[in-house]
N, C-alpha and C. Protein backbone atom coordinates (compact mmCIF):
# COMPACT_ATOMS: atom_id res chain seq x y z
N GLN A 1 0.78 -1.17 -0.03
CA GLN A 1 0.05 0.09 -0.01
C GLN A 1 1.12 1.05 0.07
N LEU A 2 0.90 2.13 -0.69
CA LEU A 2 1.35 3.49 -1.23
C LEU A 2 0.49 4.50 -0.14
N GLN A 3 1.32 5.20 0.55
CA GLN A 3 0.65 6.46 1.72
C GLN A 3 1.45 7.54 0.94
N LEU A 4 0.54 8.73 1.05
CA LEU A 4 1.06 9.68 0.54
C LEU A 4 0.45 11.20 1.04
N VAL A 5 1.54 11.89 1.42
CA VAL A 5 1.25 12.70 2.65
C VAL A 5 1.37 14.32 1.90
N GLU A 6 0.46 15.15 1.88
CA GLU A 6 0.66 16.35 1.47
C GLU A 6 0.99 17.50 2.62
N SER A 7 1.70 18.33 2.52
CA SER A 7 2.48 19.29 3.53
C SER A 7 2.61 20.60 2.79
N GLY A 8 2.85 21.71 3.32
CA GLY A 8 2.83 22.95 3.01
C GLY A 8 1.93 24.14 2.65
N GLY A 9 0.56 23.59 3.19
CA GLY A 9 -0.05 24.30 2.44
C GLY A 9 -0.55 25.31 4.27
N GLY A 10 -1.65 26.49 3.68
CA GLY A 10 -1.63 27.70 4.61
C GLY A 10 -2.62 28.46 4.23
N LEU A 11 -2.54 30.02 4.89
CA LEU A 11 -2.80 31.08 4.12
C LEU A 11 -1.94 31.54 3.86
N VAL A 12 -2.03 32.36 2.65
CA VAL A 12 -1.25 33.29 2.03
C VAL A 12 -2.00 34.53 1.27
N HIS A 13 -1.47 35.54 0.96
CA HIS A 13 -2.15 36.72 0.97
C HIS A 13 -2.08 36.80 -0.70
N PRO A 14 -3.01 37.52 -1.44
CA PRO A 14 -3.21 37.35 -3.00
C PRO A 14 -1.58 37.84 -3.39
N GLY A 15 -0.86 37.21 -4.39
CA GLY A 15 0.30 36.98 -5.29
C GLY A 15 1.14 36.77 -3.87
N GLY A 16 1.15 35.94 -3.19
CA GLY A 16 2.14 35.47 -2.72
C GLY A 16 2.42 33.80 -3.20
N SER A 17 3.44 33.32 -2.77
CA SER A 17 3.94 31.66 -3.08
C SER A 17 3.78 31.04 -1.58
N LEU A 18 3.38 29.52 -2.56
CA LEU A 18 3.50 28.27 -1.50
C LEU A 18 3.96 27.60 -2.50
N ARG A 19 4.69 26.37 -1.32
CA ARG A 19 5.20 25.00 -2.31
C ARG A 19 4.60 23.88 -1.67
N LEU A 20 3.69 23.37 -1.88
CA LEU A 20 3.41 22.17 -1.73
C LEU A 20 3.78 20.39 -1.98
N ALA A 21 4.15 20.36 -1.31
CA ALA A 21 4.87 19.02 -1.48
C ALA A 21 3.87 17.82 -1.19
N CYS A 22 4.21 16.26 -1.71
CA CYS A 22 3.90 15.36 -1.86
C CYS A 22 4.70 13.99 -1.32
N GLU A 23 4.59 13.49 -0.26
CA GLU A 23 5.72 12.44 0.08
C GLU A 23 5.06 11.31 -0.05
N ALA A 24 5.76 10.26 -0.66
CA ALA A 24 5.51 9.10 -0.60
C ALA A 24 6.10 8.12 0.60
N SER A 25 5.35 6.96 0.58
CA SER A 25 5.97 6.19 1.42
C SER A 25 6.83 5.16 1.19
N ARG A 26 7.30 5.32 -0.45
CA ARG A 26 8.16 4.79 -0.80
C ARG A 26 8.46 5.12 -2.41
N PHE A 27 9.58 4.95 -3.10
CA PHE A 27 10.21 5.15 -3.98
C PHE A 27 8.94 5.15 -4.97
N ILE A 28 8.89 6.07 -5.74
CA ILE A 28 7.40 5.83 -6.71
C ILE A 28 7.82 6.38 -7.90
N LEU A 29 9.02 7.50 -8.20
CA LEU A 29 8.33 8.17 -9.30
C LEU A 29 9.19 7.54 -10.54
N ASP A 30 9.82 6.51 -10.71
CA ASP A 30 9.75 5.92 -11.72
C ASP A 30 8.77 4.88 -12.51
N TYR A 31 7.64 5.18 -11.79
CA TYR A 31 6.47 4.13 -11.98
C TYR A 31 5.35 4.69 -12.10
N TYR A 32 4.98 5.67 -11.26
CA TYR A 32 3.97 6.18 -11.24
C TYR A 32 3.38 7.74 -12.29
N THR A 33 2.49 7.83 -12.33
CA THR A 33 2.20 9.05 -12.91
C THR A 33 1.32 10.12 -11.52
N ILE A 34 2.31 10.87 -11.08
CA ILE A 34 2.07 11.93 -9.99
C ILE A 34 0.69 13.32 -10.31
N THR A 35 -0.23 13.32 -9.90
CA THR A 35 -0.85 14.45 -10.26
C THR A 35 -1.29 15.13 -9.10
N TRP A 36 -1.34 16.85 -9.39
CA TRP A 36 -1.88 17.02 -8.21
C TRP A 36 -3.30 17.59 -8.56
N PHE A 37 -4.32 17.59 -7.79
CA PHE A 37 -5.69 18.25 -7.76
C PHE A 37 -5.87 18.91 -7.05
N ARG A 38 -7.04 19.79 -7.50
CA ARG A 38 -7.69 20.69 -5.85
C ARG A 38 -9.16 20.74 -6.17
N GLN A 39 -10.00 21.07 -4.99
CA GLN A 39 -11.20 21.11 -5.15
C GLN A 39 -11.77 22.51 -4.32
N ALA A 40 -11.85 23.50 -4.82
CA ALA A 40 -12.73 24.41 -4.39
C ALA A 40 -14.01 24.15 -3.85
N PRO A 41 -14.17 25.06 -2.87
CA PRO A 41 -15.86 25.32 -2.26
C PRO A 41 -17.19 24.84 -3.41
N GLY A 42 -17.69 24.43 -3.35
CA GLY A 42 -19.07 23.49 -4.12
C GLY A 42 -18.39 23.71 -5.23
N LYS A 43 -17.03 23.18 -6.05
CA LYS A 43 -16.68 22.89 -7.28
C LYS A 43 -16.31 21.17 -7.13
N GLU A 44 -16.35 20.92 -8.34
CA GLU A 44 -15.49 19.56 -8.56
C GLU A 44 -14.11 19.65 -8.55
N ARG A 45 -13.55 18.62 -8.25
CA ARG A 45 -12.20 18.31 -8.12
C ARG A 45 -11.52 18.37 -9.84
N GLU A 46 -10.33 19.08 -9.35
CA GLU A 46 -9.68 19.36 -11.24
C GLU A 46 -8.47 19.05 -10.67
N GLY A 47 -8.11 18.17 -12.06
CA GLY A 47 -6.29 18.35 -12.09
C GLY A 47 -5.89 19.26 -12.71
N ILE A 48 -4.28 19.70 -11.97
CA ILE A 48 -3.82 21.22 -12.52
C ILE A 48 -2.37 20.71 -12.86
N SER A 49 -2.09 19.81 -12.49
CA SER A 49 -0.99 19.40 -13.11
C SER A 49 -0.54 17.92 -12.62
N TYR A 50 0.37 17.64 -13.48
CA TYR A 50 0.88 16.06 -13.56
C TYR A 50 2.29 16.01 -13.80
N ILE A 51 3.15 14.90 -13.84
CA ILE A 51 4.24 14.65 -14.19
C ILE A 51 4.45 13.11 -14.50
N THR A 52 5.16 12.76 -15.45
CA THR A 52 4.92 11.28 -15.51
C THR A 52 6.39 10.47 -15.12
N PRO A 53 6.07 9.10 -15.02
CA PRO A 53 7.11 8.80 -14.92
C PRO A 53 8.42 9.12 -15.51
N ASN A 54 9.98 9.11 -14.63
CA ASN A 54 11.03 9.48 -14.79
C ASN A 54 11.35 11.10 -15.61
N ASP A 55 9.99 12.03 -14.96
CA ASP A 55 10.52 13.11 -15.25
C ASP A 55 9.80 13.20 -17.01
N GLU A 56 9.70 12.42 -17.33
CA GLU A 56 9.69 12.82 -18.80
C GLU A 56 8.62 13.87 -19.36
N ASN A 57 7.27 13.56 -18.48
CA ASN A 57 6.50 15.13 -19.31
C ASN A 57 6.12 15.36 -18.08
N LYS A 58 5.68 17.15 -18.07
CA LYS A 58 4.97 17.53 -17.12
C LYS A 58 3.77 18.20 -17.57
N HIS A 59 2.57 18.28 -17.18
CA HIS A 59 1.22 18.72 -18.32
C HIS A 59 0.97 20.06 -17.00
N TYR A 60 0.45 21.18 -17.30
CA TYR A 60 -0.42 21.99 -16.54
C TYR A 60 -1.78 22.58 -17.14
N ALA A 61 -2.54 22.55 -16.18
CA ALA A 61 -3.78 23.06 -16.77
C ALA A 61 -3.73 24.48 -17.22
N ASP A 62 -4.62 24.72 -17.90
CA ASP A 62 -4.59 26.22 -18.47
C ASP A 62 -4.65 27.46 -17.21
N ALA A 63 -5.53 26.64 -16.28
CA ALA A 63 -5.54 28.07 -15.27
C ALA A 63 -4.20 28.49 -14.36
N VAL A 64 -3.05 27.27 -14.64
CA VAL A 64 -1.92 27.51 -13.34
C VAL A 64 -0.98 27.45 -14.38
N LYS A 65 -0.98 27.62 -15.57
CA LYS A 65 0.40 27.19 -16.32
C LYS A 65 0.92 28.80 -16.47
N GLY A 66 2.15 28.49 -16.30
CA GLY A 66 3.23 29.34 -16.09
C GLY A 66 3.16 30.20 -14.62
N LEU A 67 2.38 29.62 -13.78
CA LEU A 67 2.26 29.94 -12.60
C LEU A 67 2.84 28.86 -11.73
N PHE A 68 2.41 28.19 -11.67
CA PHE A 68 2.69 26.90 -10.83
C PHE A 68 3.84 25.75 -11.48
N THR A 69 4.88 25.30 -10.55
CA THR A 69 5.50 24.57 -11.53
C THR A 69 5.93 23.22 -10.71
N ILE A 70 5.98 22.01 -11.18
CA ILE A 70 5.59 20.69 -10.56
C ILE A 70 7.20 20.02 -10.68
N SER A 71 7.75 19.49 -9.54
CA SER A 71 8.95 18.75 -9.94
C SER A 71 9.14 17.92 -8.79
N THR A 72 10.17 17.16 -8.78
CA THR A 72 10.61 15.99 -7.79
C THR A 72 11.92 16.08 -6.99
N ASN A 73 12.12 15.00 -6.03
CA ASN A 73 13.13 15.46 -5.43
C ASN A 73 13.90 14.47 -5.98
N ASN A 74 15.88 14.19 -5.70
CA ASN A 74 16.69 13.52 -5.98
C ASN A 74 16.05 11.76 -6.11
N ALA A 75 15.56 11.82 -4.68
CA ALA A 75 15.23 10.50 -3.93
C ALA A 75 13.87 9.90 -4.53
N LYS A 76 13.28 10.87 -5.62
CA LYS A 76 12.31 10.28 -6.08
C LYS A 76 10.98 9.84 -5.18
N THR A 77 10.82 10.61 -3.89
CA THR A 77 10.07 9.92 -3.20
C THR A 77 9.14 11.52 -2.91
N THR A 78 9.19 12.28 -3.08
CA THR A 78 8.63 13.66 -3.03
C THR A 78 7.79 14.49 -4.42
N VAL A 79 7.36 14.98 -4.36
CA VAL A 79 6.44 15.76 -5.72
C VAL A 79 6.52 17.24 -4.90
N TYR A 80 6.73 17.95 -5.82
CA TYR A 80 6.47 19.54 -5.11
C TYR A 80 5.32 20.26 -6.18
N LEU A 81 4.62 21.23 -5.77
CA LEU A 81 3.97 22.33 -6.52
C LEU A 81 4.28 23.24 -5.94
N GLN A 82 5.10 24.11 -6.95
CA GLN A 82 5.47 25.34 -6.55
C GLN A 82 4.42 26.32 -7.26
N MET A 83 4.13 27.19 -6.22
CA MET A 83 2.60 28.03 -6.69
C MET A 83 3.09 29.53 -6.63
N ASP A 84 3.20 30.36 -7.50
CA ASP A 84 3.50 31.72 -7.03
C ASP A 84 2.14 32.33 -7.90
N SER A 85 2.10 33.66 -7.77
CA SER A 85 1.10 34.68 -7.89
C SER A 85 -0.27 34.06 -7.67
N LEU A 86 -0.18 33.72 -6.37
CA LEU A 86 -1.58 33.15 -5.90
C LEU A 86 -2.46 34.19 -6.04
N ILE A 87 -4.20 33.47 -6.51
CA ILE A 87 -4.80 34.81 -6.47
C ILE A 87 -6.52 33.85 -5.09
N PRO A 88 -7.00 34.79 -5.29
CA PRO A 88 -7.95 34.10 -4.33
C PRO A 88 -8.98 32.85 -4.81
N GLU A 89 -8.46 32.98 -6.23
CA GLU A 89 -9.62 31.71 -7.10
C GLU A 89 -8.69 30.27 -6.37
N ASP A 90 -7.59 30.58 -6.08
CA ASP A 90 -6.45 29.40 -6.21
C ASP A 90 -6.86 28.60 -4.88
N THR A 91 -8.40 29.35 -3.86
CA THR A 91 -8.41 28.73 -2.40
C THR A 91 -8.89 27.47 -2.41
N ALA A 92 -8.54 26.07 -2.09
CA ALA A 92 -9.48 24.94 -2.46
C ALA A 92 -8.42 23.99 -1.69
N VAL A 93 -8.63 22.78 -1.22
CA VAL A 93 -7.70 21.74 -0.45
C VAL A 93 -7.19 20.98 -2.15
N TYR A 94 -5.99 20.89 -1.76
CA TYR A 94 -5.24 20.03 -2.67
C TYR A 94 -4.85 18.84 -2.43
N TYR A 95 -4.78 18.27 -3.36
CA TYR A 95 -4.36 16.63 -3.37
C TYR A 95 -3.55 16.20 -4.29
N CYS A 96 -2.42 15.27 -3.76
CA CYS A 96 -1.99 14.51 -4.68
C CYS A 96 -2.31 12.99 -5.29
N ASN A 97 -2.04 12.62 -6.12
CA ASN A 97 -2.80 11.59 -6.36
C ASN A 97 -1.52 10.46 -7.06
N ALA A 98 -1.20 9.46 -6.80
CA ALA A 98 -0.29 8.54 -7.78
C ALA A 98 -0.98 7.41 -8.29
N TYR A 99 -0.38 7.62 -9.88
CA TYR A 99 -1.49 6.53 -10.37
C TYR A 99 -0.44 5.36 -11.41
N LEU A 100 -1.10 4.18 -11.38
CA LEU A 100 -0.08 3.25 -12.41
C LEU A 100 -1.10 2.39 -12.85
N ASN A 101 -1.85 1.93 -12.47
CA ASN A 101 -2.84 1.12 -13.20
C ASN A 101 -4.42 1.35 -12.45
N GLU A 102 -5.30 0.56 -12.52
CA GLU A 102 -6.77 1.04 -11.87
C GLU A 102 -6.36 0.07 -10.19
N GLY A 103 -5.63 -0.80 -10.16
CA GLY A 103 -5.72 -1.22 -8.92
C GLY A 103 -4.53 -0.34 -8.11
N GLN A 104 -3.57 0.39 -8.64
CA GLN A 104 -2.80 1.14 -8.21
C GLN A 104 -3.13 2.55 -8.17
N ASP A 105 -4.13 3.25 -7.47
CA ASP A 105 -4.63 4.30 -7.81
C ASP A 105 -4.64 5.13 -6.31
N PHE A 106 -3.42 6.07 -5.47
CA PHE A 106 -3.46 6.05 -4.28
C PHE A 106 -4.01 7.82 -4.34
N TRP A 107 -4.41 8.40 -3.27
CA TRP A 107 -4.45 9.49 -3.02
C TRP A 107 -3.89 10.30 -1.57
N GLY A 108 -3.50 11.51 -1.28
CA GLY A 108 -3.42 11.71 0.12
C GLY A 108 -4.61 12.08 0.14
N GLN A 109 -4.28 12.86 1.96
CA GLN A 109 -5.42 13.41 2.63
C GLN A 109 -5.65 14.73 2.14
N GLY A 110 -5.07 15.44 1.31
CA GLY A 110 -5.58 16.75 0.93
C GLY A 110 -5.00 17.56 1.93
N ILE A 111 -4.85 18.94 1.56
CA ILE A 111 -4.27 20.12 2.72
C ILE A 111 -4.82 21.30 2.17
N GLN A 112 -5.32 22.02 2.81
CA GLN A 112 -5.85 23.15 2.88
C GLN A 112 -4.88 24.49 2.18
N VAL A 113 -5.30 25.11 0.84
CA VAL A 113 -4.58 26.84 0.82
C VAL A 113 -5.86 27.21 0.66
N THR A 114 -5.36 28.32 1.19
CA THR A 114 -6.27 29.53 1.40
C THR A 114 -5.25 30.74 0.91
N VAL A 115 -5.89 31.61 0.07
CA VAL A 115 -5.49 33.27 -0.43
C VAL A 115 -6.62 33.81 -0.21
N SER A 116 -5.91 35.20 0.34
CA SER A 116 -7.14 36.11 1.22
C SER A 116 -6.05 37.25 1.92
N SER A 117 -6.81 38.62 1.80
CA SER A 117 -5.87 39.59 1.93
C SER A 117 -6.75 39.42 3.87
């Protein structure tokens, strides 16, 4: 069983930055696609960025392109989401997901990000 733990959330002013981390209980990044999702109040969960195994491909939703950056650590157990120029509309619970196949699909518990003055 793979466990994922998000950290780095909190309250930030508009225009500020946060870096989220998704730490896995074991080596994952050569095998799993890691996706960051978010769910704002009253809205559906949406995928905002993913990274494929071996850092081969990175993808960003239009809403965060050029503002958020996904990366990994050298040990390949942690995926980061650097979020810059945050706006109130980025307020949401952020989740990381590790996906290999239908039976290997894991979620973190989620972490709150609030952008407010």
